[in-house]
Amino acid sequence: MSYVVDCRADHVSKHQRGFTLIELLIAVVIVGIIASIAYPNYTRYVERSVRSDGQTALLQAASEMERCYSRNYTYDGCELEMDTSPNGHYSISSDTPSGGYILTATTQRSDGCPSDITLNARGERLPEACW
């Protein structure tokens, strides 16, 4: 008995494994669509988390200013104990014009706000879209 082995180069097995180019392109397109939806949502989430750090810092600074006012009956001479936000994304500054205060949080990071976030002695929070 003799066995013949077929070693021809054009012989293709019916049980071939792997992906075709079309299947790979479809997978890449699906991943691209998912990424195009997920990335903007992720950046908005990061901007909100950065902005909440600034809002927290302003509320803490306002609390310090009110404690100083309750001791001295004036905002003049009140100094902030902190000059940065809790996570360090914002620098906090204060100004005491005409019997009140204006607290400002500035950042170099993208927080989705067109300008600095401010809070004054009357409780006005600007810009409104950022609160």
C-alpha atoms as a PDB file:
ATOM      1  CA  MET A   1       0.000   0.000   0.000  1.00  0.00           C
ATOM      2  CA  SER A   2       1.285   3.389  -0.859  1.00  0.00           C
ATOM      3  CA  TYR A   3       0.028   6.732   0.298  1.00  0.00           C
ATOM      4  CA  VAL A   4       0.294   9.788  -1.875  1.00  0.00           C
ATOM      5  CA  VAL A   5       0.792  13.142  -0.204  1.00  0.00           C
ATOM      6  CA  ASP A   6      -0.533  16.095  -2.138  1.00  0.00           C
ATOM      7  CA  CYS A   7       2.018  18.925  -1.775  1.00  0.00           C
ATOM      8  CA  ARG A   8       0.816  21.200  -4.500  1.00  0.00           C
ATOM      9  CA  ALA A   9       1.107  24.974  -3.806  1.00  0.00           C
ATOM     10  CA  ASP A  10      -2.422  25.675  -5.002  1.00  0.00           C
ATOM     11  CA  HIS A  11      -3.973  23.164  -2.603  1.00  0.00           C
ATOM     12  CA  VAL A  12      -6.201  25.036  -0.090  1.00  0.00           C
ATOM     13  CA  SER A  13      -7.531  23.348   3.017  1.00  0.00           C
ATOM     14  CA  LYS A  14     -11.253  23.622   3.702  1.00  0.00           C
ATOM     15  CA  HIS A  15     -10.502  24.310   7.407  1.00  0.00           C
ATOM     16  CA  GLN A  16      -8.496  27.469   6.938  1.00  0.00           C
ATOM     17  CA  ARG A  17      -8.416  29.778   9.966  1.00  0.00           C
ATOM     18  CA  GLY A  18      -7.964  33.585  10.235  1.00  0.00           C
ATOM     19  CA  PHE A  19      -9.670  36.854   9.359  1.00  0.00           C
ATOM     20  CA  THR A  20     -10.214  38.385   5.967  1.00  0.00           C
ATOM     21  CA  LEU A  21      -9.312  41.968   5.249  1.00  0.00           C
ATOM     22  CA  ILE A  22     -12.993  42.950   5.109  1.00  0.00           C
ATOM     23  CA  GLU A  23     -13.619  41.518   8.580  1.00  0.00           C
ATOM     24  CA  LEU A  24     -10.667  43.451   9.993  1.00  0.00           C
ATOM     25  CA  LEU A  25     -11.822  46.688   8.332  1.00  0.00           C
ATOM     26  CA  ILE A  26     -15.325  46.255   9.753  1.00  0.00           C
ATOM     27  CA  ALA A  27     -13.855  45.734  13.248  1.00  0.00           C
ATOM     28  CA  VAL A  28     -11.732  48.892  12.886  1.00  0.00           C
ATOM     29  CA  VAL A  29     -14.768  50.914  11.745  1.00  0.00           C
ATOM     30  CA  ILE A  30     -16.824  49.681  14.720  1.00  0.00           C
ATOM     31  CA  VAL A  31     -14.044  50.600  17.163  1.00  0.00           C
ATOM     32  CA  GLY A  32     -13.775  54.026  15.503  1.00  0.00           C
ATOM     33  CA  ILE A  33     -17.504  54.668  15.869  1.00  0.00           C
ATOM     34  CA  ILE A  34     -17.458  53.672  19.530  1.00  0.00           C
ATOM     35  CA  ALA A  35     -14.413  55.894  20.166  1.00  0.00           C
ATOM     36  CA  SER A  36     -16.027  58.870  18.409  1.00  0.00           C
ATOM     37  CA  ILE A  37     -19.013  58.584  20.748  1.00  0.00           C
ATOM     38  CA  ALA A  38     -17.071  57.853  23.945  1.00  0.00           C
ATOM     39  CA  TYR A  39     -14.254  60.436  23.688  1.00  0.00           C
ATOM     40  CA  PRO A  40     -16.417  63.605  23.795  1.00  0.00           C
ATOM     41  CA  ASN A  41     -18.353  62.203  26.751  1.00  0.00           C
ATOM     42  CA  TYR A  42     -15.092  61.440  28.526  1.00  0.00           C
ATOM     43  CA  THR A  43     -13.702  64.947  27.949  1.00  0.00           C
ATOM     44  CA  ARG A  44     -16.927  66.524  29.272  1.00  0.00           C
ATOM     45  CA  TYR A  45     -16.665  64.320  32.353  1.00  0.00           C
ATOM     46  CA  VAL A  46     -13.056  65.400  32.936  1.00  0.00           C
ATOM     47  CA  GLU A  47     -13.993  69.084  32.487  1.00  0.00           C
ATOM     48  CA  ARG A  48     -16.823  68.756  35.031  1.00  0.00           C
ATOM     49  CA  SER A  49     -14.539  67.065  37.553  1.00  0.00           C
ATOM     50  CA  VAL A  50     -11.899  69.787  37.144  1.00  0.00           C
ATOM     51  CA  ARG A  51     -14.576  72.476  37.457  1.00  0.00           C
ATOM     52  CA  SER A  52     -15.983  70.913  40.621  1.00  0.00           C
ATOM     53  CA  ASP A  53     -12.508  71.225  42.172  1.00  0.00           C
ATOM     54  CA  GLY A  54     -12.633  74.980  41.520  1.00  0.00           C
ATOM     55  CA  GLN A  55     -16.173  75.285  42.848  1.00  0.00           C
ATOM     56  CA  THR A  56     -15.198  73.457  46.038  1.00  0.00           C
ATOM     57  CA  ALA A  57     -12.223  75.775  46.506  1.00  0.00           C
ATOM     58  CA  LEU A  58     -14.397  78.880  46.064  1.00  0.00           C
ATOM     59  CA  LEU A  59     -16.974  77.653  48.572  1.00  0.00           C
ATOM     60  CA  GLN A  60     -14.231  76.872  51.110  1.00  0.00           C
ATOM     61  CA  ALA A  61     -12.682  80.298  50.553  1.00  0.00           C
ATOM     62  CA  ALA A  62     -16.098  81.965  50.979  1.00  0.00           C
ATOM     63  CA  SER A  63     -16.487  80.136  54.271  1.00  0.00           C
ATOM     64  CA  GLU A  64     -13.093  81.475  55.397  1.00  0.00           C
ATOM     65  CA  MET A  65     -14.091  85.010  54.395  1.00  0.00           C
ATOM     66  CA  GLU A  66     -17.353  84.753  56.341  1.00  0.00           C
ATOM     67  CA  ARG A  67     -15.530  83.492  59.450  1.00  0.00           C
ATOM     68  CA  CYS A  68     -13.132  86.425  59.192  1.00  0.00           C
ATOM     69  CA  TYR A  69     -16.077  88.814  58.807  1.00  0.00           C
ATOM     70  CA  SER A  70     -17.785  87.400  61.902  1.00  0.00           C
ATOM     71  CA  ARG A  71     -14.625  88.127  63.937  1.00  0.00           C
ATOM     72  CA  ASN A  72     -13.746  91.571  62.488  1.00  0.00           C
ATOM     73  CA  TYR A  73     -17.072  92.858  61.058  1.00  0.00           C
ATOM     74  CA  THR A  74     -15.252  93.642  57.828  1.00  0.00           C
ATOM     75  CA  TYR A  75     -13.774  91.725  54.922  1.00  0.00           C
ATOM     76  CA  ASP A  76     -10.784  94.082  54.741  1.00  0.00           C
ATOM     77  CA  GLY A  77      -7.636  92.361  55.915  1.00  0.00           C
ATOM     78  CA  CYS A  78      -9.097  88.867  55.521  1.00  0.00           C
ATOM     79  CA  GLU A  79      -6.506  86.553  54.015  1.00  0.00           C
ATOM     80  CA  LEU A  80      -7.179  83.150  52.544  1.00  0.00           C
ATOM     81  CA  GLU A  81      -5.420  80.214  54.150  1.00  0.00           C
ATOM     82  CA  MET A  82      -5.242  78.384  50.830  1.00  0.00           C
ATOM     83  CA  ASP A  83      -4.192  79.702  47.470  1.00  0.00           C
ATOM     84  CA  THR A  84      -4.911  76.561  45.436  1.00  0.00           C
ATOM     85  CA  SER A  85      -7.877  74.240  45.102  1.00  0.00           C
ATOM     86  CA  PRO A  86      -7.923  70.890  46.943  1.00  0.00           C
ATOM     87  CA  ASN A  87      -6.685  68.968  43.884  1.00  0.00           C
ATOM     88  CA  GLY A  88      -4.407  71.781  42.734  1.00  0.00           C
ATOM     89  CA  HIS A  89      -6.175  72.502  39.433  1.00  0.00           C
ATOM     90  CA  TYR A  90      -7.035  76.123  40.310  1.00  0.00           C
ATOM     91  CA  SER A  91      -5.336  79.049  41.942  1.00  0.00           C
ATOM     92  CA  ILE A  92      -7.629  81.058  44.199  1.00  0.00           C
ATOM     93  CA  SER A  93      -7.446  84.832  44.665  1.00  0.00           C
ATOM     94  CA  SER A  94      -9.571  87.303  46.594  1.00  0.00           C
ATOM     95  CA  ASP A  95     -10.405  90.966  46.294  1.00  0.00           C
ATOM     96  CA  THR A  96     -12.328  93.069  48.838  1.00  0.00           C
ATOM     97  CA  PRO A  97     -13.957  95.979  47.018  1.00  0.00           C
ATOM     98  CA  SER A  98     -16.435  98.242  48.842  1.00  0.00           C
ATOM     99  CA  GLY A  99     -17.414  96.095  51.792  1.00  0.00           C
ATOM    100  CA  GLY A 100     -17.646  92.754  50.038  1.00  0.00           C
ATOM    101  CA  TYR A 101     -15.406  90.184  48.433  1.00  0.00           C
ATOM    102  CA  ILE A 102     -14.866  88.607  45.054  1.00  0.00           C
ATOM    103  CA  LEU A 103     -13.204  85.202  44.927  1.00  0.00           C
ATOM    104  CA  THR A 104     -11.741  84.044  41.630  1.00  0.00           C
ATOM    105  CA  ALA A 105     -10.570  80.589  40.572  1.00  0.00           C
ATOM    106  CA  THR A 106      -8.236  80.472  37.567  1.00  0.00           C
ATOM    107  CA  THR A 107      -6.811  77.434  35.823  1.00  0.00           C
ATOM    108  CA  GLN A 108      -4.577  76.536  32.922  1.00  0.00           C
ATOM    109  CA  ARG A 109      -6.526  73.322  32.285  1.00  0.00           C
ATOM    110  CA  SER A 110      -9.573  73.020  30.078  1.00  0.00           C
ATOM    111  CA  ASP A 111     -12.645  73.188  32.297  1.00  0.00           C
ATOM    112  CA  GLY A 112     -15.274  74.051  29.685  1.00  0.00           C
ATOM    113  CA  CYS A 113     -15.734  77.604  30.984  1.00  0.00           C
ATOM    114  CA  PRO A 114     -15.164  80.659  28.813  1.00  0.00           C
ATOM    115  CA  SER A 115     -13.678  82.630  31.718  1.00  0.00           C
ATOM    116  CA  ASP A 116     -12.549  82.304  35.325  1.00  0.00           C
ATOM    117  CA  ILE A 117     -15.043  81.047  37.912  1.00  0.00           C
ATOM    118  CA  THR A 118     -16.045  83.684  40.482  1.00  0.00           C
ATOM    119  CA  LEU A 119     -18.082  83.908  43.666  1.00  0.00           C
ATOM    120  CA  ASN A 120     -18.867  87.142  45.504  1.00  0.00           C
ATOM    121  CA  ALA A 121     -20.170  88.129  48.945  1.00  0.00           C
ATOM    122  CA  ARG A 122     -23.759  88.300  47.679  1.00  0.00           C
ATOM    123  CA  GLY A 123     -23.559  84.662  46.558  1.00  0.00           C
ATOM    124  CA  GLU A 124     -23.468  85.456  42.851  1.00  0.00           C
ATOM    125  CA  ARG A 125     -21.724  82.686  40.935  1.00  0.00           C
ATOM    126  CA  LEU A 126     -20.353  83.567  37.524  1.00  0.00           C
ATOM    127  CA  PRO A 127     -20.350  82.471  34.777  1.00  0.00           C
ATOM    128  CA  GLU A 128     -23.702  80.823  35.386  1.00  0.00           C
ATOM    129  CA  ALA A 129     -23.076  78.007  32.899  1.00  0.00           C
ATOM    130  CA  CYS A 130     -20.085  76.872  34.929  1.00  0.00           C
ATOM    131  CA  TRP A 131     -21.983  76.369  38.183  1.00  0.00           C
END
